[in-house]
């Protein structure tokens, strides 16, 4: 039963026109930013920094430059746009009574929830991996020769593993379960992104700011310690803890929801 329900959710989510359009947009945006990064990197490492108006003092080591180049576009897509696409996809479960219909096909809410969690993680991982692969291929063919040699299998495996940890974020699913709508979920996600990228929360409370995955786990993603942190391990633990906490909240919400619906009325 579990495998059949998982296959059903995977088939449904992956065949949605909404997902196909969103995936196409993610690929186009990711490749565009990768191309822009390559132009800047090549200019910096061929002594043509003036052509891109970049200060020579900001040039990093070749290894770090290539590592950041492999990571940057897929990372931006994974942490900025993938949660939004996930919320839109997951919200379709509540359109036209599909959630109720699913409960008739599989009465066990635990199986349905686990299948949803598993399916959205698989789709997120596959999307991220595709973006990463396209990004790496573009870098392999377009970077200057002295930087191409740094693109090793080991480096790419390290980067994709760190990127994969960000796909475990189940916040979109939790928000959709709470609101049962896409728009309120998107508003919350966008607000979190605004708080993360603008530095507003950092001015209010650096501790709270570091609890946001986009900030707190940045050192883990980029493989180096960021300001206000002492180790990359903090970012990894933060991601795992927030994934665990979100999963607990999801099961608790579903237990309350279906527990009430299964209560027999008192005669």
Protein backbone atom coordinates (compact mmCIF):
# COMPACT_ATOMS: atom_id res chain seq x y z
CA UNK A 1 0.00 0.00 0.00
CA UNK A 2 2.76 2.46 0.95
CA UNK A 3 4.65 2.04 -2.32
CA UNK A 4 1.44 2.49 -4.33
CA UNK A 5 0.52 5.70 -2.50
CA UNK A 6 4.07 7.07 -2.96
CA UNK A 7 3.95 6.27 -6.68
CA UNK A 8 0.58 7.99 -6.89
CA UNK A 9 1.84 11.22 -5.30
CA UNK A 10 5.05 11.16 -7.36
CA UNK A 11 3.09 10.70 -10.55
CA UNK A 12 0.59 13.42 -9.66
CA UNK A 13 3.15 16.05 -8.61
CA UNK A 14 5.57 15.40 -11.48
CA UNK A 15 2.84 15.48 -14.14
CA UNK A 16 1.23 18.72 -13.00
CA UNK A 17 1.43 21.45 -15.65
CA UNK A 18 2.26 23.80 -12.79
CA UNK A 19 5.33 21.75 -11.89
CA UNK A 20 6.50 21.49 -15.49
CA UNK A 21 6.21 25.24 -16.00
CA UNK A 22 7.91 25.98 -12.67
CA UNK A 23 10.71 23.52 -13.42
CA UNK A 24 11.29 25.10 -16.83
CA UNK A 25 11.46 28.59 -15.28
CA UNK A 26 13.92 27.33 -12.63
CA UNK A 27 16.18 25.85 -15.32
CA UNK A 28 16.13 29.04 -17.42
CA UNK A 29 16.80 31.32 -14.43
CA UNK A 30 19.55 29.05 -13.09
CA UNK A 31 21.33 28.82 -16.46
CA UNK A 32 21.05 32.58 -16.94
CA UNK A 33 22.74 33.32 -13.61
CA UNK A 34 25.34 30.61 -14.26
CA UNK A 35 26.20 32.24 -17.58
CA UNK A 36 26.50 35.64 -15.89
CA UNK A 37 28.75 34.16 -13.18
CA UNK A 38 30.98 32.56 -15.79
CA UNK A 39 31.46 35.85 -17.62
CA UNK A 40 32.52 37.57 -14.40
CA UNK A 41 34.79 34.70 -13.26
CA UNK A 42 36.54 34.43 -16.63
CA UNK A 43 37.08 38.19 -16.70
CA UNK A 44 38.56 38.15 -13.19
CA UNK A 45 40.95 35.31 -13.90
CA UNK A 46 42.15 36.57 -17.26
CA UNK A 47 43.06 40.03 -15.99
CA UNK A 48 40.01 41.71 -17.51
CA UNK A 49 38.34 42.72 -14.26
CA UNK A 50 37.89 46.28 -15.52
CA UNK A 51 35.54 45.04 -18.24
CA UNK A 52 33.05 43.87 -15.58
CA UNK A 53 33.71 46.70 -13.09
CA UNK A 54 35.01 44.35 -10.38
CA UNK A 55 37.69 45.24 -7.88
CA UNK A 56 40.72 42.94 -8.24
CA UNK A 57 40.90 42.74 -4.44
CA UNK A 58 37.72 40.64 -4.28
CA UNK A 59 39.24 37.81 -6.33
CA UNK A 60 39.31 34.61 -4.24
CA UNK A 61 41.47 31.51 -4.62
CA UNK A 62 40.77 29.52 -7.82
CA UNK A 63 39.42 26.56 -5.81
CA UNK A 64 36.96 28.68 -3.83
CA UNK A 65 35.94 30.55 -6.98
CA UNK A 66 35.08 27.32 -8.80
CA UNK A 67 33.38 25.83 -5.73
CA UNK A 68 31.17 28.89 -5.30
CA UNK A 69 30.41 28.89 -9.02
CA UNK A 70 29.20 25.27 -8.89
CA UNK A 71 27.08 26.03 -5.86
CA UNK A 72 25.68 29.53 -6.39
CA UNK A 73 22.96 29.11 -9.04
CA UNK A 74 21.56 25.74 -7.82
CA UNK A 75 21.71 27.04 -4.24
CA UNK A 76 19.75 30.17 -5.12
CA UNK A 77 17.14 28.09 -6.94
CA UNK A 78 16.88 25.56 -4.09
CA UNK A 79 16.53 27.98 -1.18
CA UNK A 80 14.68 30.83 -2.91
CA UNK A 81 12.41 29.43 -5.59
CA UNK A 82 11.96 25.72 -4.85
CA UNK A 83 9.97 26.33 -1.60
CA UNK A 84 7.59 28.58 -3.57
CA UNK A 85 7.14 25.96 -6.31
CA UNK A 86 6.65 23.24 -3.67
CA UNK A 87 3.91 25.24 -1.94
CA UNK A 88 2.06 25.74 -5.24
CA UNK A 89 2.29 22.03 -6.04
CA UNK A 90 1.26 20.83 -2.58
CA UNK A 91 -1.71 23.21 -2.46
CA UNK A 92 -3.28 21.27 -5.34
CA UNK A 93 -4.06 18.50 -2.81
CA UNK A 94 -6.77 20.75 -1.38
CA UNK A 95 -8.38 21.72 -4.67
CA UNK A 96 -11.77 20.23 -5.55
CA UNK A 97 -11.77 18.01 -2.44
CA UNK A 98 -8.75 15.96 -3.50
CA UNK A 99 -7.59 15.62 0.10
CA UNK A 100 -10.88 13.99 1.08
CA UNK A 101 -10.80 11.79 -2.02
CA UNK A 102 -7.28 10.60 -1.12
CA UNK A 103 -8.54 9.57 2.31
CA UNK A 104 -11.08 7.29 0.64
CA UNK A 105 -8.38 5.59 -1.42
CA UNK A 106 -6.03 5.21 1.57
CA UNK A 107 -7.68 5.50 4.97
CA UNK A 108 -4.39 5.51 6.89
CA UNK A 109 -3.40 9.18 7.31
CA UNK A 110 0.12 8.22 8.40
CA UNK A 111 0.77 6.47 5.09
CA UNK A 112 -0.61 9.43 3.15
CA UNK A 113 1.49 11.95 5.07
CA UNK A 114 4.68 9.90 4.81
CA UNK A 115 4.04 9.50 1.07
CA UNK A 116 3.61 13.26 0.68
CA UNK A 117 6.82 13.97 2.61
CA UNK A 118 8.78 11.34 0.69
CA UNK A 119 7.42 12.47 -2.68
CA UNK A 120 8.12 16.19 -2.24
CA UNK A 121 11.66 15.44 -1.00
CA UNK A 122 12.34 13.16 -3.99
CA UNK A 123 11.03 15.75 -6.45
CA UNK A 124 13.04 18.51 -4.74
CA UNK A 125 16.23 16.41 -4.81
CA UNK A 126 15.77 15.50 -8.48
CA UNK A 127 15.08 19.14 -9.39
CA UNK A 128 18.13 20.34 -7.48
CA UNK A 129 20.32 17.61 -8.99
CA UNK A 130 19.19 18.52 -12.51
CA UNK A 131 19.97 22.20 -11.94
CA UNK A 132 23.34 21.26 -10.43
CA UNK A 133 24.22 19.00 -13.36
CA UNK A 134 23.31 21.61 -15.98
CA UNK A 135 25.25 24.22 -14.03
CA UNK A 136 28.33 21.98 -13.79
CA UNK A 137 28.24 21.15 -17.51
CA UNK A 138 28.03 24.81 -18.44
CA UNK A 139 30.99 25.58 -16.18
CA UNK A 140 32.99 22.67 -17.61
CA UNK A 141 32.66 23.96 -21.16
CA UNK A 142 32.81 27.72 -20.60
CA UNK A 143 35.28 28.37 -17.76
CA UNK A 144 38.84 29.31 -18.62
CA UNK A 145 41.08 26.25 -18.91
CA UNK A 146 43.03 26.84 -15.69
CA UNK A 147 39.79 26.73 -13.69
CA UNK A 148 38.25 23.78 -15.55
CA UNK A 149 40.88 21.45 -14.08
CA UNK A 150 39.55 22.19 -10.57
CA UNK A 151 36.13 20.73 -11.45
CA UNK A 152 36.76 17.31 -9.93
CA UNK A 153 34.23 14.56 -9.15
CA UNK A 154 35.06 14.88 -5.45
CA UNK A 155 34.31 18.61 -5.43
CA UNK A 156 31.02 18.13 -7.23
CA UNK A 157 29.94 15.31 -4.89
CA UNK A 158 30.73 17.51 -1.88
CA UNK A 159 28.67 20.39 -3.24
CA UNK A 160 25.64 18.30 -4.29
CA UNK A 161 25.59 16.58 -0.88
CA UNK A 162 25.45 19.94 0.90
CA UNK A 163 22.79 21.17 -1.52
CA UNK A 164 20.75 18.04 -0.95
CA UNK A 165 20.49 18.85 2.77
CA UNK A 166 18.49 22.00 1.91
CA UNK A 167 15.88 19.96 0.01
CA UNK A 168 14.86 18.34 3.31
CA UNK A 169 13.17 21.58 4.35
CA UNK A 170 9.47 20.72 4.74
CA UNK A 171 8.28 24.21 5.61
CA UNK A 172 6.19 24.48 2.43
CA UNK A 173 4.30 21.31 3.28
CA UNK A 174 3.68 22.46 6.86
CA UNK A 175 2.36 25.85 5.72
CA UNK A 176 0.06 24.25 3.16
CA UNK A 177 -1.24 21.81 5.78
CA UNK A 178 -2.04 24.73 8.09
CA UNK A 179 -3.56 27.15 5.54
CA UNK A 180 -4.81 24.67 2.91
CA UNK A 181 -4.19 27.46 0.39
CA UNK A 182 -1.26 28.46 -1.78
CA UNK A 183 -1.43 32.25 -1.38
CA UNK A 184 -1.15 32.43 2.45
CA UNK A 185 1.69 29.88 2.30
CA UNK A 186 3.51 31.92 -0.36
CA UNK A 187 3.11 35.10 1.70
CA UNK A 188 4.79 33.47 4.71
CA UNK A 189 7.61 32.03 2.58
CA UNK A 190 8.25 35.37 0.87
CA UNK A 191 8.25 37.17 4.23
CA UNK A 192 10.82 34.71 5.56
CA UNK A 193 12.98 35.33 2.48
CA UNK A 194 12.66 39.09 2.97
CA UNK A 195 13.68 38.80 6.62
CA UNK A 196 16.62 36.58 5.64
CA UNK A 197 17.97 38.62 2.73
CA UNK A 198 17.28 42.14 3.99
CA UNK A 199 19.04 41.77 7.35
CA UNK A 200 16.04 43.21 9.21
CA UNK A 201 15.93 40.34 11.69
CA UNK A 202 19.69 40.54 12.21
CA UNK A 203 19.31 44.14 13.38
CA UNK A 204 16.59 43.04 15.81
CA UNK A 205 18.14 39.82 17.07
CA UNK A 206 21.26 38.13 15.60
CA UNK A 207 20.33 34.93 17.47
CA UNK A 208 16.94 34.68 15.77
CA UNK A 209 18.55 35.60 12.46
CA UNK A 210 20.91 32.65 12.74
CA UNK A 211 17.96 30.31 13.26
CA UNK A 212 16.76 30.93 9.71
CA UNK A 213 18.05 28.17 7.39
CA UNK A 214 19.05 30.65 4.68
CA UNK A 215 21.33 32.42 7.20
CA UNK A 216 22.24 29.84 9.81
CA UNK A 217 23.06 27.07 7.34
CA UNK A 218 24.95 29.25 4.87
CA UNK A 219 28.31 28.26 6.35
CA UNK A 220 27.46 24.59 5.80
CA UNK A 221 26.35 25.19 2.20
CA UNK A 222 29.41 27.20 1.17
CA UNK A 223 31.88 25.09 3.15
CA UNK A 224 33.29 27.93 5.21
CA UNK A 225 32.47 29.66 8.47
CA UNK A 226 30.35 32.79 8.15
CA UNK A 227 30.23 35.75 10.52
CA UNK A 228 28.70 35.02 13.90
CA UNK A 229 29.29 31.26 13.63
CA UNK A 230 32.13 29.08 14.84
CA UNK A 231 31.72 25.89 12.78
CA UNK A 232 30.11 24.52 9.62
CA UNK A 233 28.57 21.81 11.78
CA UNK A 234 26.11 24.36 13.17
CA UNK A 235 24.47 24.72 9.77
CA UNK A 236 24.14 20.96 9.28
CA UNK A 237 22.65 20.45 12.75
CA UNK A 238 20.27 23.38 12.20
CA UNK A 239 18.93 21.87 8.98
CA UNK A 240 18.47 18.43 10.53
CA UNK A 241 16.83 19.83 13.66
CA UNK A 242 14.41 22.04 11.74
CA UNK A 243 13.53 19.13 9.44
CA UNK A 244 12.88 16.91 12.48
CA UNK A 245 10.81 19.60 14.20
CA UNK A 246 8.75 20.29 11.07
CA UNK A 247 8.09 16.57 10.61
CA UNK A 248 6.86 16.28 14.20
CA UNK A 249 4.53 19.26 13.65
CA UNK A 250 3.19 17.69 10.44
CA UNK A 251 2.34 14.41 12.13
CA UNK A 252 0.79 16.23 15.09
CA UNK A 253 -1.43 18.36 12.83
CA UNK A 254 -2.58 15.37 10.82
CA UNK A 255 -3.25 13.35 13.94
CA UNK A 256 -5.50 16.10 15.30
CA UNK A 257 -7.26 16.58 11.96
CA UNK A 258 -8.03 12.95 11.20
CA UNK A 259 -8.55 12.06 14.85
CA UNK A 260 -11.44 14.53 15.04
CA UNK A 261 -12.93 13.30 11.77
CA UNK A 262 -12.81 9.70 12.92
CA UNK A 263 -14.53 10.41 16.24
CA UNK A 264 -17.91 8.80 16.40
CA UNK A 265 -20.78 11.12 17.31
CA UNK A 266 -22.28 10.53 20.73
CA UNK A 267 -25.86 9.22 20.48
